[in-house]
Amino acid sequence: MIAISEILETLIGEEPCCGYPCTLIRISGCNLDCEWCDTPRKNDENEVFSIDDIVKRVEKNDREWVLLTGGEPLLCDDSIELMRMLIEKGFKILLETNGSMPLDKVPKTVVKSVDFKVPSSGHAGSFLPWNLVHMNAHDYVKFVVADNKDIDYAIEQIKNHRLENRTNILFSPVYGVMDPAYLAKIILEKRIPARLSLQIHKMIGIK
């Protein structure tokens, strides 16, 4: 059984699969409480579903992509079985995870967007470095930055963990806090080996 905050049809709003129509499954509960979290109701439990019921909802929506997010989806052990069942049904899955939970059981075909928390979040140091061995060529590490201190921290972590040679890297500005144009300028000036990622769902006013 899985506690769900919401299931809805929408567009994937961020890289690496930005713009694709999807079924979004938001699993309730998170082990972190980031300062700039954009999911204030992340611990709300609107309803509890069986895996079979969730799969039926996804099949009814008939979207190629499924976005599994939270909260923190990997807090729920049954999320792994849900991903396996959805893959067996032919769906593509994007998993958004906060970087503090083990990735070893996540199916290899799942596209993983893994947060690397920075100082302004209040959870710098929560990323599990050994998760990097379980990341594939289609996966991403994402730094959500609010200020120059966050940017400098992210650059340091890229060097320390040799991320440029291990995975894809995203830099995303905290929405409404950091100017995306400024972050783009810094990426260019400092030659940061990262892609700029913007939250288009917020820009166009959808969930």
Protein backbone atom coordinates (compact mmCIF):
# COMPACT_ATOMS: atom_id res chain seq x y z
CA MET A 1 0.00 0.00 0.00
CA ILE A 2 1.20 3.49 -0.85
CA ALA A 3 0.11 6.81 0.73
CA ILE A 4 -0.56 9.24 -2.09
CA SER A 5 -0.88 13.04 -1.98
CA GLU A 6 -2.11 13.32 -5.55
CA ILE A 7 -2.31 11.62 -8.94
CA LEU A 8 -2.91 13.85 -11.94
CA GLU A 9 -2.20 14.39 -15.63
CA THR A 10 0.25 17.19 -16.37
CA LEU A 11 3.48 18.04 -18.18
CA ILE A 12 6.88 17.15 -16.80
CA GLY A 13 8.09 20.58 -15.75
CA GLU A 14 11.83 20.06 -15.35
CA GLU A 15 14.72 18.33 -17.07
CA PRO A 16 15.65 15.64 -17.98
CA CYS A 17 12.25 14.90 -19.57
CA CYS A 18 10.89 18.44 -19.64
CA GLY A 19 7.68 19.04 -21.56
CA TYR A 20 6.43 15.48 -21.93
CA PRO A 21 2.79 14.80 -20.96
CA CYS A 22 2.73 12.43 -18.01
CA THR A 23 0.84 10.94 -15.13
CA LEU A 24 2.26 12.50 -11.95
CA ILE A 25 2.18 10.34 -8.83
CA ARG A 26 3.08 12.26 -5.67
CA ILE A 27 3.91 9.90 -2.82
CA SER A 28 3.28 11.34 0.63
CA GLY A 29 6.04 11.85 3.19
CA CYS A 30 9.56 13.28 3.22
CA ASN A 31 12.59 12.83 5.44
CA LEU A 32 13.87 16.36 4.72
CA ASP A 33 12.34 19.79 5.26
CA CYS A 34 14.11 22.12 2.85
CA GLU A 35 13.87 25.86 3.40
CA TRP A 36 12.65 26.51 -0.15
CA CYS A 37 10.57 23.36 -0.60
CA ASP A 38 7.87 23.96 -3.22
CA THR A 39 5.65 21.13 -1.96
CA PRO A 40 4.31 22.46 1.37
CA ARG A 41 1.76 19.62 1.60
CA LYS A 42 4.38 16.92 1.01
CA ASN A 43 3.37 15.06 4.16
CA ASP A 44 -0.36 15.15 3.46
CA GLU A 45 -1.87 11.69 3.02
CA ASN A 46 -4.99 12.13 0.95
CA GLU A 47 -5.57 8.46 0.25
CA VAL A 48 -3.89 5.05 0.46
CA PHE A 49 -3.78 3.00 -2.74
CA SER A 50 -2.74 -0.52 -3.59
CA ILE A 51 -0.10 -0.85 -6.29
CA ASP A 52 -2.69 -2.44 -8.59
CA ASP A 53 -5.05 0.52 -8.14
CA ILE A 54 -2.28 3.00 -8.98
CA VAL A 55 -1.31 1.04 -12.10
CA LYS A 56 -4.96 1.05 -13.23
CA ARG A 57 -5.10 4.85 -12.82
CA VAL A 58 -1.95 5.22 -14.89
CA GLU A 59 -3.29 2.90 -17.59
CA LYS A 60 -6.54 4.86 -17.73
CA ASN A 61 -4.63 8.11 -18.30
CA ASP A 62 -2.66 6.40 -21.09
CA ARG A 63 0.37 8.69 -20.97
CA GLU A 64 3.77 7.33 -22.04
CA TRP A 65 5.60 8.90 -19.08
CA VAL A 66 5.03 8.52 -15.35
CA LEU A 67 6.58 11.07 -12.99
CA LEU A 68 7.12 9.59 -9.54
CA THR A 69 7.77 12.34 -7.04
CA GLY A 70 7.06 13.43 -3.48
CA GLY A 71 7.90 14.20 -0.76
CA GLU A 72 10.49 11.48 -1.09
CA PRO A 73 9.18 8.48 -3.06
CA LEU A 74 11.92 6.10 -1.90
CA LEU A 75 10.79 6.35 1.72
CA CYS A 76 8.03 3.98 0.63
CA ASP A 77 9.36 0.45 0.06
CA ASP A 78 6.45 -0.35 -2.25
CA SER A 79 7.56 2.41 -4.66
CA ILE A 80 10.15 -0.02 -6.05
CA GLU A 81 7.53 -2.64 -6.87
CA LEU A 82 5.30 0.08 -8.35
CA MET A 83 8.11 1.10 -10.71
CA ARG A 84 8.72 -2.50 -11.72
CA MET A 85 5.05 -3.06 -12.51
CA LEU A 86 4.79 0.13 -14.52
CA ILE A 87 7.87 -0.82 -16.54
CA GLU A 88 6.35 -4.23 -17.25
CA LYS A 89 3.27 -2.41 -18.59
CA GLY A 90 5.48 -0.45 -20.99
CA PHE A 91 5.56 2.95 -19.25
CA LYS A 92 8.61 5.20 -19.02
CA ILE A 93 9.39 6.49 -15.55
CA LEU A 94 11.07 9.62 -14.23
CA LEU A 95 11.92 9.42 -10.53
CA GLU A 96 12.54 12.62 -8.57
CA THR A 97 14.44 11.87 -5.37
CA ASN A 98 16.20 14.10 -2.84
CA GLY A 99 19.55 12.26 -2.89
CA SER A 100 19.42 11.04 0.70
CA MET A 101 17.94 7.59 -0.03
CA PRO A 102 19.69 4.54 -1.54
CA LEU A 103 19.21 4.03 -5.28
CA ASP A 104 20.47 0.44 -5.50
CA LYS A 105 17.00 -1.13 -5.86
CA VAL A 106 15.65 1.35 -8.42
CA PRO A 107 15.19 -0.39 -11.81
CA LYS A 108 17.93 0.58 -14.26
CA THR A 109 15.57 1.84 -16.96
CA VAL A 110 14.10 4.47 -14.62
CA VAL A 111 15.38 7.98 -15.35
CA LYS A 112 16.58 9.38 -12.03
CA SER A 113 16.69 13.09 -11.21
CA VAL A 114 18.68 13.18 -7.97
CA ASP A 115 18.94 16.32 -5.86
CA PHE A 116 22.30 17.34 -4.39
CA LYS A 117 21.27 19.61 -1.54
CA VAL A 118 23.10 22.92 -1.05
CA PRO A 119 23.56 25.12 2.05
CA SER A 120 20.44 27.29 1.59
CA SER A 121 18.23 24.18 1.67
CA GLY A 122 19.31 23.43 5.24
CA HIS A 123 20.35 19.90 4.24
CA ALA A 124 23.82 20.20 2.72
CA GLY A 125 25.60 16.89 3.31
CA SER A 126 22.48 14.72 2.91
CA PHE A 127 23.50 13.41 -0.54
CA LEU A 128 24.71 9.79 -0.49
CA PRO A 129 27.88 9.73 -2.66
CA TRP A 130 27.78 5.94 -3.13
CA ASN A 131 24.54 6.42 -5.04
CA LEU A 132 26.67 7.58 -7.97
CA VAL A 133 27.58 3.97 -8.78
CA HIS A 134 23.88 3.27 -9.34
CA MET A 135 23.36 6.15 -11.77
CA ASN A 136 23.24 5.59 -15.51
CA ALA A 137 23.96 7.71 -18.59
CA HIS A 138 20.35 8.96 -18.70
CA ASP A 139 20.32 10.09 -15.04
CA TYR A 140 20.97 13.55 -13.59
CA VAL A 141 22.29 15.18 -10.45
CA LYS A 142 20.47 18.45 -9.80
CA PHE A 143 21.67 21.44 -7.76
CA VAL A 144 18.83 23.81 -6.84
CA VAL A 145 20.60 27.06 -5.95
CA ALA A 146 19.43 30.24 -4.23
CA ASP A 147 22.59 32.35 -3.97
CA ASN A 148 26.31 32.56 -4.75
CA LYS A 149 27.22 30.46 -1.72
CA ASP A 150 25.10 27.65 -3.12
CA ILE A 151 26.76 28.00 -6.53
CA ASP A 152 30.26 27.86 -5.03
CA TYR A 153 29.27 24.82 -2.95
CA ALA A 154 27.88 23.07 -6.03
CA ILE A 155 31.07 23.75 -8.02
CA GLU A 156 33.11 22.31 -5.14
CA GLN A 157 30.98 19.16 -5.04
CA ILE A 158 31.26 18.69 -8.81
CA LYS A 159 35.05 18.71 -8.42
CA ASN A 160 35.21 16.62 -5.25
CA HIS A 161 32.99 13.85 -6.63
CA ARG A 162 34.21 14.18 -10.24
CA LEU A 163 30.60 14.49 -11.31
CA GLU A 164 31.45 15.76 -14.79
CA ASN A 165 32.76 12.32 -15.73
CA ARG A 166 30.13 10.31 -13.86
CA THR A 167 26.69 11.73 -14.59
CA ASN A 168 24.72 14.59 -16.12
CA ILE A 169 24.52 17.80 -14.07
CA LEU A 170 21.67 20.30 -13.79
CA PHE A 171 21.66 23.75 -12.18
CA SER A 172 18.20 25.05 -11.30
CA PRO A 173 17.46 28.44 -9.68
CA VAL A 174 15.13 28.50 -6.68
CA TYR A 175 11.92 29.80 -8.23
CA GLY A 176 11.27 33.43 -7.35
CA VAL A 177 14.57 33.75 -5.47
CA MET A 178 17.41 33.55 -7.99
CA ASP A 179 17.17 35.21 -11.42
CA PRO A 180 17.53 32.48 -14.09
CA ALA A 181 19.38 34.92 -16.36
CA TYR A 182 21.95 35.50 -13.62
CA LEU A 183 22.46 31.77 -13.14
CA ALA A 184 22.87 31.31 -16.91
CA LYS A 185 25.53 34.04 -16.90
CA ILE A 186 27.42 32.34 -14.05
CA ILE A 187 27.30 28.94 -15.79
CA LEU A 188 28.85 30.54 -18.87
CA GLU A 189 31.42 32.69 -17.06
CA LYS A 190 32.64 29.95 -14.72
CA ARG A 191 32.41 27.24 -17.38
CA ILE A 192 30.36 25.06 -15.09
CA PRO A 193 29.79 21.65 -16.75
CA ALA A 194 26.03 21.81 -16.15
CA ARG A 195 22.77 22.47 -17.96
CA LEU A 196 20.41 25.22 -16.88
CA SER A 197 17.07 23.72 -15.82
CA LEU A 198 13.94 25.86 -15.37
CA GLN A 199 10.58 24.84 -13.91
CA ILE A 200 8.35 25.40 -16.94
CA HIS A 201 5.23 24.14 -15.13
CA LYS A 202 5.48 27.15 -12.82
CA MET A 203 6.18 29.49 -15.72
CA ILE A 204 2.98 28.45 -17.50
CA GLY A 205 0.89 28.09 -14.36
CA ILE A 206 0.17 24.35 -14.13
CA LYS A 207 0.96 21.75 -11.49
